[in-house]
Protein backbone atom coordinates (compact mmCIF):
# COMPACT_ATOMS: atom_id res chain seq x y z
CA UNK A 1 -82.01 8.61 90.39
CA UNK A 2 -82.74 12.25 89.67
CA UNK A 3 -80.01 14.25 87.93
CA UNK A 4 -80.20 18.06 87.39
CA UNK A 5 -77.98 19.69 84.72
CA UNK A 6 -77.21 23.40 84.98
CA UNK A 7 -75.70 25.36 82.11
CA UNK A 8 -76.03 28.60 80.28
CA UNK A 9 -76.88 27.42 76.72
CA UNK A 10 -79.18 24.97 75.16
CA UNK A 11 -77.14 24.64 71.91
CA UNK A 12 -73.95 23.66 73.65
CA UNK A 13 -75.76 21.07 75.83
CA UNK A 14 -77.38 19.47 72.79
CA UNK A 15 -74.39 19.61 70.34
CA UNK A 16 -71.60 18.61 72.76
CA UNK A 17 -73.30 16.50 75.43
CA UNK A 18 -76.20 14.77 73.94
CA UNK A 19 -74.49 11.52 73.88
CA UNK A 20 -74.04 11.76 77.65
CA UNK A 21 -77.65 12.65 78.11
CA UNK A 22 -78.64 9.60 76.03
CA UNK A 23 -76.54 7.35 78.16
CA UNK A 24 -77.86 8.79 81.50
CA UNK A 25 -81.43 8.65 80.36
CA UNK A 26 -81.18 4.88 80.19
CA UNK A 27 -80.91 4.70 84.05
CA UNK A 28 -81.94 8.14 85.50
CA UNK A 29 -84.45 10.96 85.27
CA UNK A 30 -82.77 13.98 83.80
CA UNK A 31 -83.75 17.59 84.50
CA UNK A 32 -82.20 20.60 82.86
CA UNK A 33 -82.20 24.34 83.82
CA UNK A 34 -80.97 26.82 81.22
CA UNK A 35 -82.27 29.70 79.08
CA UNK A 36 -84.94 28.81 76.55
CA UNK A 37 -83.71 28.45 72.95
CA UNK A 38 -84.21 26.60 69.67
CA UNK A 39 -82.61 23.38 70.87
CA UNK A 40 -84.84 23.00 74.02
CA UNK A 41 -87.50 21.19 72.07
CA UNK A 42 -84.90 18.67 70.78
CA UNK A 43 -83.70 18.15 74.33
CA UNK A 44 -87.24 17.65 75.56
CA UNK A 45 -87.87 15.09 72.78
CA UNK A 46 -85.00 13.08 74.19
CA UNK A 47 -86.86 12.80 77.61
CA UNK A 48 -85.38 15.59 79.72
CA UNK A 49 -87.46 17.86 81.89
CA UNK A 50 -86.86 21.57 81.18
CA UNK A 51 -86.75 24.35 83.76
CA UNK A 52 -86.25 27.83 82.01
CA UNK A 53 -83.89 30.12 83.72
CA UNK A 54 -82.55 33.49 82.41
CA UNK A 55 -78.83 33.84 82.41
CA UNK A 56 -76.83 36.88 81.06
CA UNK A 57 -73.58 35.26 80.45
CA UNK A 58 -71.61 38.58 80.40
CA UNK A 59 -73.78 40.47 82.72
CA UNK A 60 -72.27 42.01 85.86
CA UNK A 61 -75.30 43.77 87.40
CA UNK A 62 -75.23 42.87 91.06
CA UNK A 63 -79.05 42.81 91.35
CA UNK A 64 -79.27 40.42 88.40
CA UNK A 65 -76.73 38.15 89.89
CA UNK A 66 -78.51 37.99 93.17
CA UNK A 67 -81.80 37.12 91.27
CA UNK A 68 -79.82 34.47 89.40
CA UNK A 69 -78.56 32.83 92.56
CA UNK A 70 -82.14 32.60 93.92
CA UNK A 71 -83.43 31.30 90.62
CA UNK A 72 -80.95 28.52 90.94
CA UNK A 73 -81.90 27.95 94.57
CA UNK A 74 -85.57 27.71 93.56
CA UNK A 75 -85.05 25.27 90.70
CA UNK A 76 -82.70 22.96 92.76
CA UNK A 77 -85.10 22.97 95.75
CA UNK A 78 -88.02 22.28 93.53
CA UNK A 79 -86.31 19.31 91.68
CA UNK A 80 -84.72 17.98 94.77
CA UNK A 81 -82.06 16.05 92.76
CA UNK A 82 -79.84 13.28 93.91
CA UNK A 83 -76.87 14.73 91.83
CA UNK A 84 -76.33 18.14 90.05
CA UNK A 85 -74.04 18.51 87.11
CA UNK A 86 -72.86 22.11 86.39
CA UNK A 87 -71.27 23.67 83.32
CA UNK A 88 -69.92 27.10 82.46
CA UNK A 89 -69.12 29.86 84.95
CA UNK A 90 -72.33 31.23 86.48
CA UNK A 91 -74.01 27.74 86.86
CA UNK A 92 -70.69 26.36 88.34
CA UNK A 93 -70.52 29.19 90.88
CA UNK A 94 -74.17 29.73 91.85
CA UNK A 95 -75.20 26.14 91.35
CA UNK A 96 -72.16 25.05 93.40
CA UNK A 97 -72.99 27.50 96.23
CA UNK A 98 -76.65 26.32 96.31
CA UNK A 99 -75.66 22.72 96.29
CA UNK A 100 -73.34 23.31 99.26
CA UNK A 101 -76.19 25.08 101.13
CA UNK A 102 -78.72 22.22 100.45
CA UNK A 103 -76.17 19.42 100.93
CA UNK A 104 -76.71 17.92 97.47
CA UNK A 105 -73.76 16.18 95.75
CA UNK A 106 -72.59 18.02 92.59
CA UNK A 107 -69.98 17.73 89.81
CA UNK A 108 -68.61 20.91 88.20
CA UNK A 109 -67.11 21.23 84.66
CA UNK A 110 -64.73 24.09 84.22
CA UNK A 111 -65.39 24.74 80.50
CA UNK A 112 -62.90 27.64 80.38
CA UNK A 113 -61.76 30.60 82.59
CA UNK A 114 -63.73 33.22 80.55
CA UNK A 115 -62.95 36.79 79.70
CA UNK A 116 -63.58 38.17 83.23
CA UNK A 117 -60.52 36.18 84.55
CA UNK A 118 -58.30 38.27 82.29
CA UNK A 119 -59.31 41.42 84.27
CA UNK A 120 -57.53 41.73 87.50
CA UNK A 121 -60.50 43.32 89.51
CA UNK A 122 -62.92 40.71 88.37
CA UNK A 123 -60.35 37.85 88.74
CA UNK A 124 -60.22 38.41 92.40
CA UNK A 125 -64.00 38.37 92.81
CA UNK A 126 -64.27 35.27 90.65
CA UNK A 127 -61.53 33.64 92.60
CA UNK A 128 -63.39 34.17 95.96
CA UNK A 129 -66.67 33.12 94.39
CA UNK A 130 -65.13 29.88 92.99
CA UNK A 131 -63.44 29.09 96.36
CA UNK A 132 -66.96 28.93 97.93
CA UNK A 133 -68.58 27.21 94.98
CA UNK A 134 -66.29 24.18 94.44
CA UNK A 135 -65.12 23.42 97.98
CA UNK A 136 -67.57 20.51 98.42
CA UNK A 137 -67.85 19.31 94.87
CA UNK A 138 -67.64 15.63 94.47
CA UNK A 139 -65.54 16.12 91.40
CA UNK A 140 -64.26 18.93 89.26
CA UNK A 141 -63.64 18.32 85.68
CA UNK A 142 -61.24 20.61 83.69
CA UNK A 143 -61.06 20.72 79.93
CA UNK A 144 -57.27 21.35 79.89
CA UNK A 145 -54.40 21.04 82.19
CA UNK A 146 -53.59 24.87 82.25
CA UNK A 147 -56.96 25.71 83.73
CA UNK A 148 -56.41 22.96 86.40
CA UNK A 149 -53.00 24.56 87.17
CA UNK A 150 -54.48 27.92 87.48
CA UNK A 151 -57.03 26.84 90.06
CA UNK A 152 -54.34 25.10 92.05
CA UNK A 153 -52.12 28.19 91.94
CA UNK A 154 -55.02 30.30 93.04
CA UNK A 155 -55.67 28.21 96.00
CA UNK A 156 -58.91 26.71 94.50
CA UNK A 157 -58.28 23.17 95.87
CA UNK A 158 -60.63 20.18 95.80
CA UNK A 159 -59.95 16.61 96.70
CA UNK A 160 -61.06 15.27 93.36
CA UNK A 161 -59.63 17.27 90.30
CA UNK A 162 -59.60 15.56 86.79
CA UNK A 163 -58.97 16.56 83.22
CA UNK A 164 -61.20 15.63 80.43
CA UNK A 165 -60.42 15.74 76.60
CA UNK A 166 -62.62 18.77 76.40
CA UNK A 167 -66.21 17.69 75.51
CA UNK A 168 -64.67 15.05 73.22
CA UNK A 169 -65.80 14.72 69.63
CA UNK A 170 -68.36 12.31 68.12
CA UNK A 171 -66.21 10.44 65.66
CA UNK A 172 -69.16 8.96 63.73
CA UNK A 173 -71.05 12.21 63.34
CA UNK A 174 -67.85 14.00 62.38
CA UNK A 175 -66.51 11.36 60.13
CA UNK A 176 -63.45 11.75 57.91
CA UNK A 177 -64.18 13.65 54.69
CA UNK A 178 -62.16 13.43 51.52
CA UNK A 179 -59.97 16.59 51.13
CA UNK A 180 -61.37 19.06 48.51
CA UNK A 181 -59.29 20.14 45.63
CA UNK A 182 -57.83 23.65 45.49
CA UNK A 183 -58.47 24.47 41.83
CA UNK A 184 -60.88 27.25 42.77
CA UNK A 185 -58.76 28.58 45.64
CA UNK A 186 -58.32 27.96 49.38
CA UNK A 187 -61.11 28.40 52.00
CA UNK A 188 -60.23 29.09 55.54
CA UNK A 189 -63.25 28.59 57.93
CA UNK A 190 -63.79 30.33 61.31
CA UNK A 191 -66.58 28.96 63.52
CA UNK A 192 -67.48 30.72 66.79
CA UNK A 193 -69.05 33.75 68.30
CA UNK A 194 -68.12 36.82 66.37
CA UNK A 195 -66.44 38.89 69.10
CA UNK A 196 -63.06 40.43 70.04
CA UNK A 197 -61.93 37.54 72.33
CA UNK A 198 -62.26 35.01 69.46
CA UNK A 199 -59.67 36.93 67.43
CA UNK A 200 -62.16 38.09 64.84
CA UNK A 201 -60.55 41.53 64.49
CA UNK A 202 -57.00 39.92 63.87
CA UNK A 203 -58.53 37.46 61.45
CA UNK A 204 -60.13 40.11 59.37
CA UNK A 205 -57.02 42.30 59.17
CA UNK A 206 -54.93 39.12 58.25
CA UNK A 207 -57.39 38.29 55.60
CA UNK A 208 -57.16 41.73 54.02
CA UNK A 209 -53.30 41.61 53.96
CA UNK A 210 -53.24 38.03 52.50
CA UNK A 211 -55.65 38.86 49.75
CA UNK A 212 -53.21 41.39 48.38
CA UNK A 213 -50.84 38.32 47.74
CA UNK A 214 -53.22 35.57 47.10
CA UNK A 215 -56.38 36.57 45.14
CA UNK A 216 -57.98 33.11 45.34
CA UNK A 217 -58.32 32.67 49.11
CA UNK A 218 -61.57 33.06 50.97
CA UNK A 219 -62.39 33.30 54.68
CA UNK A 220 -65.77 32.13 55.88
CA UNK A 221 -67.12 33.11 59.24
CA UNK A 222 -69.88 31.10 60.92
CA UNK A 223 -71.45 32.20 64.08
CA UNK A 224 -73.77 34.75 65.93
CA UNK A 225 -72.37 38.34 65.78
CA UNK A 226 -72.13 39.31 69.46
CA UNK A 227 -70.19 42.55 69.00
CA UNK A 228 -70.13 45.39 66.55
CA UNK A 229 -68.59 43.75 63.47
CA UNK A 230 -71.66 43.52 61.26
CA UNK A 231 -71.04 46.55 59.23
CA UNK A 232 -67.45 45.77 58.63
CA UNK A 233 -68.24 42.16 57.63
CA UNK A 234 -71.02 43.29 55.21
CA UNK A 235 -68.47 45.66 53.61
CA UNK A 236 -66.02 42.72 53.28
CA UNK A 237 -68.65 40.40 51.80
CA UNK A 238 -69.00 42.69 48.84
CA UNK A 239 -65.26 42.23 48.23
CA UNK A 240 -65.84 38.44 48.19
CA UNK A 241 -62.69 37.13 50.05
CA UNK A 242 -64.45 37.36 53.48
CA UNK A 243 -67.87 35.76 53.66
CA UNK A 244 -70.12 36.15 56.77
CA UNK A 245 -72.49 33.17 56.81
CA UNK A 246 -74.10 33.78 60.29
CA UNK A 247 -75.11 30.88 62.44
CA UNK A 248 -75.54 27.60 60.79
CA UNK A 249 -77.27 24.49 61.80
CA UNK A 250 -75.14 22.23 59.62
CA UNK A 251 -71.55 23.11 60.39
CA UNK A 252 -70.28 19.86 59.19
CA UNK A 253 -70.96 20.60 55.46
CA UNK A 254 -68.75 23.91 55.87
CA UNK A 255 -66.01 21.92 57.35
CA UNK A 256 -66.23 19.32 54.71
CA UNK A 257 -65.85 22.07 51.95
CA UNK A 258 -63.07 24.09 53.68
CA UNK A 259 -59.26 23.42 53.45
CA UNK A 260 -58.47 24.45 56.96
CA UNK A 261 -60.18 25.79 60.14
CA UNK A 262 -58.76 28.84 61.81
CA UNK A 263 -59.38 29.94 65.41
CA UNK A 264 -57.44 32.93 66.73
CA UNK A 265 -59.05 32.89 70.15
CA UNK A 266 -57.58 34.59 73.14
CA UNK A 267 -58.70 31.82 75.47
CA UNK A 268 -60.73 28.39 75.40
CA UNK A 269 -61.61 25.65 77.52
CA UNK A 270 -61.27 23.06 74.75
CA UNK A 271 -62.17 24.24 71.32
CA UNK A 272 -64.82 21.93 70.14
CA UNK A 273 -64.76 23.44 66.55
CA UNK A 274 -61.07 22.38 66.29
CA UNK A 275 -61.82 18.89 67.49
CA UNK A 276 -64.65 18.60 64.93
CA UNK A 277 -62.53 20.00 62.15
CA UNK A 278 -59.63 17.49 62.88
CA UNK A 279 -62.06 14.67 63.13
CA UNK A 280 -63.14 15.52 59.58
CA UNK A 281 -59.61 15.47 58.39
CA UNK A 282 -59.02 19.23 58.15
CA UNK A 283 -55.82 20.93 59.37
CA UNK A 284 -56.31 23.45 62.03
CA UNK A 285 -54.56 26.85 62.55
CA UNK A 286 -55.02 28.10 66.07
CA UNK A 287 -53.79 30.30 68.76
CA UNK A 288 -51.09 28.89 71.06
CA UNK A 289 -53.29 29.10 74.03
CA UNK A 290 -54.63 26.48 76.50
CA UNK A 291 -57.72 24.72 74.79
CA UNK A 292 -56.34 25.25 71.39
CA UNK A 293 -52.84 23.97 71.37
CA UNK A 294 -53.85 20.54 72.63
CA UNK A 295 -55.96 19.90 69.47
CA UNK A 296 -53.13 19.72 66.97
CA UNK A 297 -49.48 18.75 66.63
CA UNK A 298 -47.44 21.58 65.28
CA UNK A 299 -46.43 21.12 61.71
CA UNK A 300 -48.01 17.68 61.67
CA UNK A 301 -51.81 18.43 61.86
CA UNK A 302 -51.88 22.07 62.01
CA UNK A 303 -49.97 25.44 62.73
CA UNK A 304 -50.09 27.51 65.86
CA UNK A 305 -49.44 31.27 66.32
CA UNK A 306 -49.41 33.86 69.11
CA UNK A 307 -52.78 35.01 70.17
CA UNK A 308 -53.63 38.78 69.46
CA UNK A 309 -50.87 38.98 66.71
CA UNK A 310 -52.14 39.81 63.26
CA UNK A 311 -48.56 39.28 61.96
CA UNK A 312 -48.34 35.68 63.53
CA UNK A 313 -51.68 34.81 62.19
CA UNK A 314 -51.00 36.01 58.73
CA UNK A 315 -47.69 34.08 58.76
CA UNK A 316 -49.32 30.87 59.84
CA UNK A 317 -52.05 31.28 57.16
CA UNK A 318 -49.44 31.99 54.40
CA UNK A 319 -47.36 28.95 55.52
CA UNK A 320 -50.36 26.80 55.01
CA UNK A 321 -51.26 28.30 51.61
CA UNK A 322 -47.77 27.54 50.48
CA UNK A 323 -47.83 23.84 51.36
CA UNK A 324 -48.26 21.58 48.49
CA UNK A 325 -51.60 19.65 48.18
CA UNK A 326 -50.44 16.28 49.35
CA UNK A 327 -49.02 17.84 52.45
CA UNK A 328 -52.35 19.57 53.29
CA UNK A 329 -54.15 16.12 52.74
CA UNK A 330 -51.64 14.38 55.13
CA UNK A 331 -52.02 17.09 57.74
CA UNK A 332 -55.76 16.45 57.72
CA UNK A 333 -55.34 12.60 58.11
CA UNK A 334 -52.94 13.11 60.95
CA UNK A 335 -55.44 15.27 62.77
CA UNK A 336 -58.08 12.54 62.30
CA UNK A 337 -55.71 9.97 63.98
CA UNK A 338 -55.11 12.32 66.92
CA UNK A 339 -58.84 12.59 67.47
CA UNK A 340 -59.34 8.87 67.32
CA UNK A 341 -56.62 8.26 69.78
CA UNK A 342 -57.04 11.07 72.33
CA UNK A 343 -60.45 12.91 71.89
CA UNK A 344 -63.26 10.49 71.43
CA UNK A 345 -66.54 11.53 73.19
CA UNK A 346 -66.73 8.07 74.70
CA UNK A 347 -63.87 8.95 76.98
CA UNK A 348 -65.82 11.79 78.46
CA UNK A 349 -68.98 9.85 78.93
CA UNK A 350 -67.06 7.00 80.69
CA UNK A 351 -65.43 9.42 83.04
CA UNK A 352 -68.78 11.07 83.98
CA UNK A 353 -70.46 7.55 84.55
CA UNK A 354 -67.60 6.53 86.77
CA UNK A 355 -68.03 9.69 89.03
CA UNK A 356 -71.89 9.41 89.06
CA UNK A 357 -71.77 5.70 89.91
CA UNK A 358 -69.47 6.57 92.90
CA UNK A 359 -72.15 8.99 94.21
CA UNK A 360 -74.87 6.51 93.55
CA UNK A 361 -73.33 3.86 95.59
């Protein structure tokens, strides 16, 4: 069977879905359509066939969007797949619309609602687009229950809606790591795109305030700088309590050496960085928003706080700093247990295989 995968990013496909690809490649021919990137070569080495397609994830130019629709149409018609799997907003919408037109079975994955859904004028447009895109999907996967409820409230109804535990986490790759000592201070680690919606502004401000009380803390930021924070981060680097590390290939080693992972995001589908951190035995501090709050148990494996609030974030970080060492270690161990019980990537693979087998038969 020929399976075509549409998504907006090669890194996300490789890092969070390569185990699914390996399983599918045992029985099927796999094609991918996404922007070219550094992970495409690795994906091709696995045996997939690559079709380059340009996607501006945050673009809103109507002419570019029309072109993108026709690019998806061309790829889908060229491959003529038996099943299409779509991930992220634009592939879900445009890929879904094309599959409906060509009568090709497709499975959509709502990886998050995105920034545009928070803007009323764009929310209406996106809702209409989604309504046309998902109507005939064989299955729609959600990464958290809140997103599923939002779709139902908005009248975006499909006969087969299911929730996944996000993208799951590879428990072998992200194994439990012994907790580091705190003799030289405490390291908070942020992993994600450096942008407003990830709460970077609040994290930087909270770090400045906390450094006045606790001289031995450090906040490390890993990720691509997508918005205008670079000058500010370079200034903070010189003061040594905020360290901007850029995008890193080996994220696991940074998680291993930190004491807690912090994510003040405004919205998420399911935060993979928090799943990976908890799997490694690190407590998580995260916004109490869908896609973050599911990854920890309050006071047991992490602390939550209100999104967009510097005060709440600072309070949560200080609460963690003041825990004794053994409590920090225990929080990490409880996080690992939660991942083993609820978030194994095998759960996601099994659910995809079940839906694909239904279509194959």
